[in-house]
């Protein structure tokens, strides 16, 4: 099942069903809305 990750800074949602697996993103991934890194995302329940 696809997971959703939410940027805790701006609320951008990375939906694996649409944007691909979180684990396959490059390590220098930045939020497309605010520029924060992966460490600023939390998995959404």
N, C-alpha and C. Protein backbone atom coordinates (compact mmCIF):
# COMPACT_ATOMS: atom_id res chain seq x y z
N UNK A 1 0.84 -1.19 0.00
CA UNK A 1 0.00 0.00 0.00
C UNK A 1 0.89 1.25 0.00
N UNK A 2 0.50 2.23 -0.76
CA UNK A 2 1.26 3.48 -0.86
C UNK A 2 1.13 4.29 0.42
N UNK A 3 2.24 4.90 0.79
CA UNK A 3 2.27 5.73 1.99
C UNK A 3 2.25 7.19 1.59
N UNK A 4 1.92 8.02 2.56
CA UNK A 4 1.93 9.47 2.35
C UNK A 4 2.84 10.10 3.40
N UNK A 5 3.69 11.00 2.95
CA UNK A 5 4.61 11.71 3.83
C UNK A 5 4.27 13.19 3.77
N UNK A 6 4.23 13.85 4.94
CA UNK A 6 3.83 15.25 5.01
C UNK A 6 5.00 16.09 5.51
N UNK A 7 5.27 17.19 4.82
CA UNK A 7 6.28 18.14 5.26
C UNK A 7 5.74 18.88 6.48
N UNK A 8 6.48 18.81 7.59
CA UNK A 8 6.01 19.44 8.82
C UNK A 8 6.15 20.96 8.78
N UNK A 9 6.88 21.48 7.80
CA UNK A 9 7.07 22.92 7.67
C UNK A 9 5.92 23.57 6.90
N UNK A 10 5.58 23.01 5.74
CA UNK A 10 4.58 23.67 4.89
C UNK A 10 3.33 22.84 4.61
N UNK A 11 3.36 21.55 4.94
CA UNK A 11 2.18 20.72 4.74
C UNK A 11 2.13 20.00 3.40
N UNK A 12 3.16 20.15 2.56
CA UNK A 12 3.19 19.43 1.28
C UNK A 12 3.10 17.93 1.53
N UNK A 13 2.31 17.23 0.73
CA UNK A 13 2.14 15.79 0.88
C UNK A 13 2.81 15.07 -0.29
N UNK A 14 3.70 14.15 0.04
CA UNK A 14 4.32 13.28 -0.95
C UNK A 14 3.53 11.98 -0.91
N UNK A 15 2.77 11.72 -1.95
CA UNK A 15 1.93 10.52 -2.05
C UNK A 15 2.67 9.52 -2.93
N UNK A 16 3.07 8.39 -2.35
CA UNK A 16 3.81 7.39 -3.11
C UNK A 16 3.02 6.86 -4.30
N UNK A 17 1.71 6.85 -4.22
CA UNK A 17 0.88 6.35 -5.31
C UNK A 17 1.00 7.25 -6.54
N UNK A 18 1.34 8.51 -6.32
CA UNK A 18 1.43 9.48 -7.41
C UNK A 18 2.88 9.80 -7.76
N UNK A 19 3.70 10.00 -6.73
CA UNK A 19 5.06 10.53 -6.93
C UNK A 19 6.18 9.52 -6.78
N UNK A 20 5.86 8.27 -6.54
CA UNK A 20 6.89 7.25 -6.42
C UNK A 20 7.28 6.96 -4.98
N UNK A 21 7.97 5.85 -4.81
CA UNK A 21 8.38 5.39 -3.48
C UNK A 21 9.33 6.36 -2.80
N UNK A 22 9.09 6.60 -1.54
CA UNK A 22 9.90 7.50 -0.73
C UNK A 22 11.36 7.02 -0.71
N UNK A 23 11.55 5.72 -0.58
CA UNK A 23 12.88 5.14 -0.46
C UNK A 23 13.72 5.32 -1.73
N UNK A 24 13.07 5.59 -2.87
CA UNK A 24 13.81 5.73 -4.12
C UNK A 24 14.16 7.18 -4.45
N UNK A 25 13.73 8.11 -3.61
CA UNK A 25 14.06 9.52 -3.85
C UNK A 25 15.55 9.75 -3.58
N UNK A 26 16.15 10.71 -4.27
CA UNK A 26 17.56 11.01 -4.01
C UNK A 26 17.75 11.55 -2.59
N UNK A 27 18.91 11.34 -2.02
CA UNK A 27 19.17 11.76 -0.64
C UNK A 27 19.13 13.28 -0.48
N UNK A 28 19.30 14.00 -1.59
CA UNK A 28 19.25 15.47 -1.52
C UNK A 28 17.87 16.02 -1.92
N UNK A 29 16.84 15.17 -1.83
CA UNK A 29 15.47 15.58 -2.14
C UNK A 29 15.09 16.80 -1.32
N UNK A 30 14.42 17.74 -1.96
CA UNK A 30 13.89 18.92 -1.28
C UNK A 30 12.41 19.04 -1.55
N UNK A 31 11.68 19.52 -0.56
CA UNK A 31 10.25 19.77 -0.70
C UNK A 31 10.06 20.74 -1.87
N UNK A 32 9.18 20.43 -2.81
CA UNK A 32 8.97 21.32 -3.94
C UNK A 32 8.32 22.64 -3.57
N UNK A 33 7.70 22.71 -2.39
CA UNK A 33 7.03 23.95 -1.99
C UNK A 33 7.91 24.87 -1.13
N UNK A 34 8.69 24.28 -0.19
CA UNK A 34 9.45 25.14 0.73
C UNK A 34 10.95 24.88 0.74
N UNK A 35 11.40 23.82 0.08
CA UNK A 35 12.83 23.55 -0.01
C UNK A 35 13.43 22.78 1.15
N UNK A 36 12.63 22.35 2.10
CA UNK A 36 13.16 21.57 3.23
C UNK A 36 13.54 20.17 2.76
N UNK A 37 14.37 19.50 3.56
CA UNK A 37 14.83 18.16 3.21
C UNK A 37 13.92 17.06 3.70
N UNK A 38 14.32 15.83 3.39
CA UNK A 38 13.54 14.65 3.76
C UNK A 38 13.35 14.54 5.27
N UNK A 39 14.30 15.06 6.04
CA UNK A 39 14.22 14.96 7.49
C UNK A 39 13.05 15.76 8.06
N UNK A 40 12.47 16.64 7.26
CA UNK A 40 11.35 17.46 7.70
C UNK A 40 9.99 16.87 7.29
N UNK A 41 9.99 15.62 6.87
CA UNK A 41 8.76 14.92 6.52
C UNK A 41 8.44 13.87 7.55
N UNK A 42 7.16 13.67 7.80
CA UNK A 42 6.69 12.61 8.70
C UNK A 42 5.66 11.77 7.95
N UNK A 43 5.64 10.48 8.25
CA UNK A 43 4.67 9.60 7.62
C UNK A 43 3.28 9.93 8.16
N UNK A 44 2.31 9.95 7.27
CA UNK A 44 0.93 10.27 7.65
C UNK A 44 0.18 8.98 7.94
N UNK A 45 -0.53 8.96 9.03
CA UNK A 45 -1.31 7.76 9.42
C UNK A 45 -2.58 7.64 8.62
